[in-house]
Amino acid sequence: KQMPYEAITPNDDNVNDTWTPLDIESYKNAFIQVFNRWGGLVFESTGGENYQAWDGTNNGKELAVGTYYYIIDLKTGDDPQAGTVTIIR
């Protein structure tokens, strides 16, 4: 299984400004969630063509530098994928 890259640098230089799980467009029923270290939901999206890349914000507010945790359920019957993504500014 391919895993998404592990860091974003949302500084508007068009390089790693957003986070998109690899090949998420192929899984229209997928459900993606990103949490802060306290378990608070900071981002969620469905997969497929409607996936909205995460830009390191929560409700339009920049999130702090640090490590966040994702869960990706591809809805294929496989166990959800989990890992970390780090915001670097």
N, C-alpha and C. Protein backbone atom coordinates (compact mmCIF):
# COMPACT_ATOMS: atom_id res chain seq x y z
N LYS A 1 0.83 -1.19 0.00
CA LYS A 1 0.00 0.00 0.00
C LYS A 1 0.87 1.25 0.00
N GLN A 2 0.45 2.23 -0.79
CA GLN A 2 1.17 3.49 -0.81
C GLN A 2 0.63 4.38 0.31
N MET A 3 1.52 5.02 0.98
CA MET A 3 1.11 5.92 2.07
C MET A 3 1.27 7.37 1.59
N PRO A 4 0.45 8.27 2.14
CA PRO A 4 0.61 9.67 1.77
C PRO A 4 1.92 10.23 2.31
N TYR A 5 2.37 11.33 1.71
CA TYR A 5 3.58 11.95 2.25
C TYR A 5 3.29 12.48 3.63
N GLU A 6 4.34 12.73 4.38
CA GLU A 6 4.19 12.90 5.82
C GLU A 6 4.33 14.33 6.33
N ALA A 7 4.50 15.30 5.44
CA ALA A 7 4.62 16.68 5.91
C ALA A 7 4.06 17.64 4.87
N ILE A 8 3.55 18.76 5.35
CA ILE A 8 3.15 19.85 4.46
C ILE A 8 3.78 21.14 4.97
N THR A 9 4.00 22.04 4.02
CA THR A 9 4.56 23.35 4.35
C THR A 9 3.63 24.41 3.76
N PRO A 10 2.53 24.69 4.45
CA PRO A 10 1.53 25.62 3.89
C PRO A 10 1.96 27.08 3.96
N ASN A 11 2.87 27.45 3.05
CA ASN A 11 3.40 28.82 3.04
C ASN A 11 3.17 29.50 1.69
N ASP A 12 2.24 28.96 0.90
CA ASP A 12 1.85 29.56 -0.38
C ASP A 12 2.98 29.64 -1.41
N ASP A 13 3.94 28.69 -1.35
CA ASP A 13 4.97 28.66 -2.40
C ASP A 13 4.65 27.61 -3.47
N ASN A 14 3.45 27.02 -3.36
CA ASN A 14 2.99 25.99 -4.29
C ASN A 14 3.80 24.70 -4.25
N VAL A 15 4.55 24.48 -3.17
CA VAL A 15 5.29 23.24 -2.98
C VAL A 15 4.86 22.66 -1.64
N ASN A 16 4.23 21.51 -1.66
CA ASN A 16 3.75 20.83 -0.44
C ASN A 16 2.86 21.73 0.42
N ASP A 17 2.08 22.59 -0.21
CA ASP A 17 1.18 23.46 0.56
C ASP A 17 -0.04 22.72 1.08
N THR A 18 -0.39 21.63 0.42
CA THR A 18 -1.57 20.86 0.83
C THR A 18 -1.23 19.38 0.93
N TRP A 19 -2.14 18.65 1.59
CA TRP A 19 -1.95 17.21 1.81
C TRP A 19 -3.07 16.45 1.10
N THR A 20 -2.67 15.55 0.22
CA THR A 20 -3.60 14.69 -0.48
C THR A 20 -3.09 13.26 -0.42
N PRO A 21 -3.87 12.34 0.16
CA PRO A 21 -3.45 10.93 0.16
C PRO A 21 -3.28 10.43 -1.28
N LEU A 22 -2.25 9.63 -1.51
CA LEU A 22 -1.97 9.12 -2.84
C LEU A 22 -3.16 8.34 -3.39
N ASP A 23 -3.52 8.62 -4.62
CA ASP A 23 -4.56 7.89 -5.36
C ASP A 23 -5.93 7.96 -4.71
N ILE A 24 -6.18 8.95 -3.86
CA ILE A 24 -7.47 9.05 -3.17
C ILE A 24 -8.61 9.27 -4.17
N GLU A 25 -8.29 9.80 -5.34
CA GLU A 25 -9.32 10.03 -6.36
C GLU A 25 -9.95 8.71 -6.83
N SER A 26 -9.22 7.61 -6.67
CA SER A 26 -9.72 6.31 -7.11
C SER A 26 -10.69 5.68 -6.12
N TYR A 27 -10.87 6.30 -4.96
CA TYR A 27 -11.71 5.73 -3.90
C TYR A 27 -12.81 6.72 -3.55
N LYS A 28 -13.88 6.73 -4.36
CA LYS A 28 -14.92 7.75 -4.17
C LYS A 28 -15.66 7.61 -2.86
N ASN A 29 -15.66 6.43 -2.26
CA ASN A 29 -16.36 6.23 -0.99
C ASN A 29 -15.46 6.42 0.23
N ALA A 30 -14.19 6.70 -0.01
CA ALA A 30 -13.24 6.84 1.09
C ALA A 30 -13.64 7.99 2.01
N PHE A 31 -13.19 7.88 3.26
CA PHE A 31 -13.44 8.92 4.25
C PHE A 31 -12.12 9.23 4.94
N ILE A 32 -11.71 10.48 4.90
CA ILE A 32 -10.42 10.90 5.43
C ILE A 32 -10.64 11.85 6.59
N GLN A 33 -9.94 11.60 7.70
CA GLN A 33 -10.02 12.49 8.86
C GLN A 33 -8.62 12.79 9.36
N VAL A 34 -8.42 14.02 9.84
CA VAL A 34 -7.16 14.43 10.46
C VAL A 34 -7.49 14.99 11.83
N PHE A 35 -6.71 14.57 12.82
CA PHE A 35 -6.93 14.95 14.22
C PHE A 35 -5.69 15.63 14.79
N ASN A 36 -5.91 16.49 15.79
CA ASN A 36 -4.77 17.05 16.51
C ASN A 36 -4.32 16.06 17.60
N ARG A 37 -3.30 16.43 18.34
CA ARG A 37 -2.74 15.48 19.31
C ARG A 37 -3.67 15.18 20.47
N TRP A 38 -4.72 15.97 20.63
CA TRP A 38 -5.69 15.72 21.69
C TRP A 38 -6.90 14.95 21.17
N GLY A 39 -6.85 14.55 19.90
CA GLY A 39 -7.95 13.80 19.32
C GLY A 39 -9.05 14.65 18.74
N GLY A 40 -8.83 15.97 18.67
CA GLY A 40 -9.82 16.86 18.09
C GLY A 40 -9.79 16.82 16.57
N LEU A 41 -10.93 16.67 15.96
CA LEU A 41 -11.02 16.63 14.50
C LEU A 41 -10.71 18.00 13.92
N VAL A 42 -9.72 18.08 13.01
CA VAL A 42 -9.37 19.36 12.39
C VAL A 42 -9.66 19.38 10.90
N PHE A 43 -9.91 18.20 10.30
CA PHE A 43 -10.19 18.13 8.87
C PHE A 43 -10.87 16.82 8.55
N GLU A 44 -11.82 16.87 7.61
CA GLU A 44 -12.37 15.63 7.08
C GLU A 44 -12.85 15.88 5.66
N SER A 45 -12.81 14.83 4.87
CA SER A 45 -13.24 14.91 3.48
C SER A 45 -13.59 13.52 2.99
N THR A 46 -14.41 13.47 1.97
CA THR A 46 -14.63 12.21 1.27
C THR A 46 -13.55 12.08 0.21
N GLY A 47 -13.43 10.88 -0.36
CA GLY A 47 -12.45 10.63 -1.41
C GLY A 47 -13.01 10.92 -2.79
N GLY A 48 -12.41 10.28 -3.78
CA GLY A 48 -12.86 10.46 -5.14
C GLY A 48 -12.57 11.84 -5.67
N GLU A 49 -13.30 12.22 -6.70
CA GLU A 49 -13.08 13.51 -7.35
C GLU A 49 -13.44 14.68 -6.45
N ASN A 50 -14.23 14.43 -5.41
CA ASN A 50 -14.66 15.50 -4.50
C ASN A 50 -13.67 15.76 -3.37
N TYR A 51 -12.55 15.02 -3.33
CA TYR A 51 -11.59 15.22 -2.25
C TYR A 51 -11.10 16.66 -2.25
N GLN A 52 -11.14 17.27 -1.08
CA GLN A 52 -10.62 18.63 -0.91
C GLN A 52 -9.29 18.54 -0.16
N ALA A 53 -8.20 18.92 -0.81
CA ALA A 53 -6.88 18.81 -0.19
C ALA A 53 -6.83 19.63 1.10
N TRP A 54 -6.18 19.07 2.13
CA TRP A 54 -6.04 19.76 3.41
C TRP A 54 -4.90 20.75 3.33
N ASP A 55 -5.17 21.98 3.75
CA ASP A 55 -4.17 23.05 3.64
C ASP A 55 -3.59 23.46 4.98
N GLY A 56 -3.72 22.60 5.99
CA GLY A 56 -3.14 22.91 7.30
C GLY A 56 -3.97 23.87 8.12
N THR A 57 -5.25 24.02 7.75
CA THR A 57 -6.13 24.89 8.52
C THR A 57 -7.29 24.09 9.09
N ASN A 58 -7.98 24.71 10.04
CA ASN A 58 -9.22 24.18 10.60
C ASN A 58 -10.21 25.33 10.60
N ASN A 59 -11.27 25.19 9.80
CA ASN A 59 -12.27 26.25 9.66
C ASN A 59 -11.63 27.58 9.26
N GLY A 60 -10.64 27.50 8.36
CA GLY A 60 -10.00 28.71 7.84
C GLY A 60 -8.90 29.29 8.70
N LYS A 61 -8.66 28.71 9.87
CA LYS A 61 -7.61 29.22 10.77
C LYS A 61 -6.37 28.34 10.66
N GLU A 62 -5.20 28.98 10.55
CA GLU A 62 -3.95 28.24 10.48
C GLU A 62 -3.75 27.43 11.75
N LEU A 63 -3.37 26.17 11.56
CA LEU A 63 -3.07 25.32 12.71
C LEU A 63 -1.60 25.45 13.09
N ALA A 64 -1.31 25.13 14.32
CA ALA A 64 0.06 25.22 14.84
C ALA A 64 0.97 24.21 14.16
N VAL A 65 2.25 24.57 14.08
CA VAL A 65 3.27 23.63 13.64
C VAL A 65 3.20 22.41 14.55
N GLY A 66 3.34 21.24 13.99
CA GLY A 66 3.34 20.04 14.81
C GLY A 66 2.84 18.84 14.05
N THR A 67 2.64 17.75 14.77
CA THR A 67 2.23 16.48 14.20
C THR A 67 0.74 16.29 14.38
N TYR A 68 0.10 15.87 13.31
CA TYR A 68 -1.33 15.56 13.29
C TYR A 68 -1.49 14.11 12.86
N TYR A 69 -2.62 13.55 13.15
CA TYR A 69 -2.84 12.12 12.93
C TYR A 69 -4.01 11.92 11.97
N TYR A 70 -3.80 11.06 10.98
CA TYR A 70 -4.88 10.82 10.01
C TYR A 70 -5.39 9.39 10.10
N ILE A 71 -6.64 9.25 9.70
CA ILE A 71 -7.25 7.95 9.49
C ILE A 71 -7.91 8.01 8.12
N ILE A 72 -7.57 7.03 7.28
CA ILE A 72 -8.16 6.94 5.95
C ILE A 72 -8.88 5.61 5.86
N ASP A 73 -10.19 5.68 5.71
CA ASP A 73 -10.99 4.47 5.50
C ASP A 73 -11.39 4.46 4.02
N LEU A 74 -10.80 3.53 3.26
CA LEU A 74 -11.07 3.47 1.84
C LEU A 74 -12.43 2.85 1.53
N LYS A 75 -13.08 2.29 2.56
CA LYS A 75 -14.40 1.65 2.41
C LYS A 75 -14.33 0.48 1.43
N THR A 76 -13.20 -0.26 1.49
CA THR A 76 -13.01 -1.42 0.63
C THR A 76 -13.09 -2.72 1.41
N GLY A 77 -13.34 -2.62 2.71
CA GLY A 77 -13.33 -3.81 3.55
C GLY A 77 -11.99 -4.03 4.24
N ASP A 78 -10.96 -3.31 3.78
CA ASP A 78 -9.66 -3.38 4.44
C ASP A 78 -9.67 -2.53 5.70
N ASP A 79 -8.74 -2.79 6.61
CA ASP A 79 -8.61 -1.96 7.80
C ASP A 79 -8.25 -0.55 7.39
N PRO A 80 -8.76 0.45 8.12
CA PRO A 80 -8.37 1.84 7.83
C PRO A 80 -6.86 2.02 7.97
N GLN A 81 -6.32 2.95 7.19
CA GLN A 81 -4.90 3.31 7.28
C GLN A 81 -4.77 4.48 8.25
N ALA A 82 -3.73 4.45 9.05
CA ALA A 82 -3.50 5.53 10.00
C ALA A 82 -2.03 5.92 9.94
N GLY A 83 -1.77 7.18 10.26
CA GLY A 83 -0.40 7.66 10.27
C GLY A 83 -0.36 9.10 10.72
N THR A 84 0.78 9.73 10.47
CA THR A 84 0.95 11.12 10.89
C THR A 84 1.28 12.00 9.70
N VAL A 85 0.91 13.25 9.84
CA VAL A 85 1.30 14.29 8.88
C VAL A 85 1.72 15.50 9.73
N THR A 86 2.83 16.10 9.37
CA THR A 86 3.41 17.19 10.14
C THR A 86 3.28 18.50 9.39
N ILE A 87 2.87 19.54 10.11
CA ILE A 87 2.86 20.88 9.54
C ILE A 87 4.18 21.56 9.88
N ILE A 88 4.87 22.04 8.84
CA ILE A 88 6.14 22.75 9.01
C ILE A 88 5.95 24.13 8.38
N ARG A 89 6.28 25.16 9.10
CA ARG A 89 6.16 26.53 8.55
C ARG A 89 7.52 27.21 8.55
